[in-house]
Amino acid sequence: MYRAIWRVKHNHTIYEPGETITGLSADAAKELLQLKAIEIIPTAPGVESKEQEADGMAAFKATLHAMKRTELFSYAKKVGVDVDQKMKNAEICDILFDDAQKNGVDIEAFDDHSLVFFAEKLGYHFEELPERQQVIEMIDARLGHE
């Protein structure tokens, strides 16, 4: 969810500073975030919907399967999961996916390419790539994290 910092007109509705804006498309949110007209409203842990969680895990799984072997090993090392060089990529993906279900997805451990891929799987589309931290914030907002 987003909060207006400045007066924002969206879908024939005017939002005053401080008001919550809902129903923004990924592209509209990106544009308004870049203009600093809105900010992401962090949510308390545990209040994300089951649907958001399921969508996020499906996007995470697709991202894992799209990653190159070296990217998988790098991600595994960053999140502290032991994987063996003899394992097949699918096995590594399964281990990382199981770990994420137990411990959560560590978005910041992704390399830049995988991070953007994950965001796109969540429904964001970029004509120009925003800064890494902005992509992380957009993903967090979509997943309902702080």
Protein backbone atom coordinates (compact mmCIF):
# COMPACT_ATOMS: atom_id res chain seq x y z
CA MET A 1 0.00 0.00 0.00
CA TYR A 2 1.04 3.57 -0.58
CA ARG A 3 0.56 6.91 1.17
CA ALA A 4 0.36 10.23 -0.67
CA ILE A 5 3.15 12.65 0.16
CA TRP A 6 1.81 15.30 -2.20
CA ARG A 7 -1.66 15.75 -3.63
CA VAL A 8 -2.15 12.92 -6.13
CA LYS A 9 -4.93 12.42 -8.67
CA HIS A 10 -5.49 8.79 -9.59
CA ASN A 11 -8.54 7.20 -11.23
CA HIS A 12 -10.51 10.43 -10.98
CA THR A 13 -9.88 10.62 -7.21
CA ILE A 14 -7.75 13.20 -5.46
CA TYR A 15 -5.66 11.92 -2.56
CA GLU A 16 -4.42 14.47 -0.06
CA PRO A 17 -1.04 14.10 1.66
CA GLY A 18 -1.22 11.34 4.26
CA GLU A 19 -4.11 9.48 2.64
CA THR A 20 -3.74 5.84 1.62
CA ILE A 21 -3.77 5.10 -2.10
CA THR A 22 -4.90 1.68 -3.26
CA GLY A 23 -5.34 0.11 -6.67
CA LEU A 24 -2.17 1.48 -8.26
CA SER A 25 -0.74 -0.48 -11.15
CA ALA A 26 2.93 -1.41 -10.90
CA ASP A 27 3.82 1.20 -13.53
CA ALA A 28 1.81 3.97 -11.83
CA ALA A 29 3.38 3.13 -8.47
CA LYS A 30 6.87 3.18 -9.99
CA GLU A 31 6.28 6.56 -11.60
CA LEU A 32 4.81 8.12 -8.45
CA LEU A 33 7.62 6.68 -6.30
CA GLN A 34 10.22 8.16 -8.66
CA LEU A 35 8.46 11.53 -8.42
CA LYS A 36 8.46 11.15 -4.62
CA ALA A 37 4.71 11.86 -4.69
CA ILE A 38 3.94 8.68 -2.70
CA GLU A 39 5.69 6.46 -0.20
CA ILE A 40 5.39 2.79 0.64
CA ILE A 41 3.42 2.05 3.78
CA PRO A 42 5.18 -0.72 5.68
CA THR A 43 2.91 -3.33 7.17
CA ALA A 44 3.41 -5.17 10.41
CA PRO A 45 4.95 -8.64 10.09
CA GLY A 46 2.41 -11.41 9.73
CA VAL A 47 -0.40 -9.34 8.24
CA GLU A 48 0.27 -10.13 4.60
CA SER A 49 -2.50 -12.03 2.93
CA LYS A 50 -2.16 -15.70 2.02
CA GLU A 51 -2.68 -14.72 -1.61
CA GLN A 52 0.27 -12.29 -1.54
CA GLU A 53 2.40 -14.94 0.12
CA ALA A 54 1.44 -17.57 -2.49
CA ASP A 55 2.10 -15.16 -5.39
CA GLY A 56 5.43 -14.22 -3.88
CA MET A 57 6.51 -17.83 -3.45
CA ALA A 58 5.45 -18.71 -7.00
CA ALA A 59 7.49 -15.75 -8.30
CA PHE A 60 10.43 -16.79 -6.12
CA LYS A 61 10.31 -20.37 -7.45
CA ALA A 62 10.19 -19.12 -11.06
CA THR A 63 13.15 -16.83 -10.32
CA LEU A 64 15.19 -19.69 -8.86
CA HIS A 65 14.55 -21.85 -11.93
CA ALA A 66 15.57 -18.98 -14.23
CA MET A 67 18.87 -18.39 -12.40
CA LYS A 68 22.17 -19.64 -13.78
CA ARG A 69 24.11 -22.22 -11.79
CA THR A 70 26.65 -19.65 -10.55
CA GLU A 71 23.80 -17.36 -9.43
CA LEU A 72 22.18 -20.23 -7.52
CA PHE A 73 25.44 -21.00 -5.70
CA SER A 74 25.97 -17.33 -4.91
CA TYR A 75 22.42 -16.95 -3.56
CA ALA A 76 22.76 -20.16 -1.51
CA LYS A 77 26.00 -18.91 0.05
CA LYS A 78 24.46 -15.52 0.92
CA VAL A 79 21.45 -17.10 2.64
CA GLY A 80 23.58 -19.71 4.44
CA VAL A 81 22.30 -22.83 2.67
CA ASP A 82 24.81 -25.59 1.98
CA VAL A 83 24.66 -26.97 -1.54
CA ASP A 84 26.95 -29.47 -3.22
CA GLN A 85 28.65 -28.95 -6.58
CA LYS A 86 27.38 -32.40 -7.60
CA MET A 87 23.72 -31.38 -7.22
CA LYS A 88 21.58 -30.66 -10.24
CA ASN A 89 20.12 -27.17 -10.61
CA ALA A 90 16.60 -28.47 -9.91
CA GLU A 91 17.79 -29.99 -6.62
CA ILE A 92 19.44 -26.71 -5.60
CA CYS A 93 16.25 -24.82 -6.47
CA ASP A 94 14.19 -27.21 -4.34
CA ILE A 95 16.53 -26.82 -1.34
CA LEU A 96 16.52 -23.01 -1.65
CA PHE A 97 12.74 -22.96 -2.05
CA ASP A 98 12.26 -25.13 1.05
CA ASP A 99 14.59 -22.84 3.00
CA ALA A 100 12.65 -19.76 1.86
CA GLN A 101 9.36 -21.34 2.97
CA LYS A 102 10.82 -21.84 6.45
CA ASN A 103 12.92 -18.68 6.79
CA GLY A 104 11.50 -16.26 4.22
CA VAL A 105 12.90 -14.97 0.94
CA ASP A 106 16.06 -12.88 1.30
CA ILE A 107 15.45 -10.38 -1.48
CA GLU A 108 18.71 -8.54 -0.86
CA ALA A 109 20.72 -11.71 -1.52
CA PHE A 110 19.63 -11.72 -5.19
CA ASP A 111 22.00 -10.42 -7.84
CA ASP A 112 20.64 -7.45 -9.81
CA HIS A 113 19.42 -9.51 -12.77
CA SER A 114 17.53 -12.01 -10.58
CA LEU A 115 16.08 -9.19 -8.49
CA VAL A 116 14.56 -7.53 -11.57
CA PHE A 117 13.32 -10.91 -12.84
CA PHE A 118 11.62 -11.53 -9.47
CA ALA A 119 9.99 -8.06 -9.59
CA GLU A 120 8.73 -8.74 -13.12
CA LYS A 121 7.26 -12.08 -11.99
CA LEU A 122 5.38 -10.10 -9.32
CA GLY A 123 3.85 -7.92 -12.04
CA TYR A 124 6.23 -4.96 -12.27
CA HIS A 125 7.38 -3.86 -15.71
CA PHE A 126 10.34 -1.56 -16.19
CA GLU A 127 11.13 0.54 -19.22
CA GLU A 128 14.10 1.99 -17.36
CA LEU A 129 15.65 0.11 -14.50
CA PRO A 130 15.23 1.89 -11.17
CA GLU A 131 17.91 1.74 -8.50
CA ARG A 132 18.38 -1.59 -6.74
CA GLN A 133 17.02 -0.31 -3.41
CA GLN A 134 13.89 1.01 -5.11
CA VAL A 135 13.24 -2.42 -6.69
CA ILE A 136 13.66 -4.02 -3.25
CA GLU A 137 11.17 -1.56 -1.74
CA MET A 138 8.68 -2.22 -4.53
CA ILE A 139 8.94 -5.99 -4.00
CA ASP A 140 8.57 -5.56 -0.24
CA ALA A 141 5.47 -3.44 -0.78
CA ARG A 142 3.96 -6.00 -3.16
CA LEU A 143 4.63 -8.83 -0.70
CA GLY A 144 3.35 -6.80 2.25
CA HIS A 145 6.68 -6.74 4.12
CA GLU A 146 8.24 -3.88 6.06
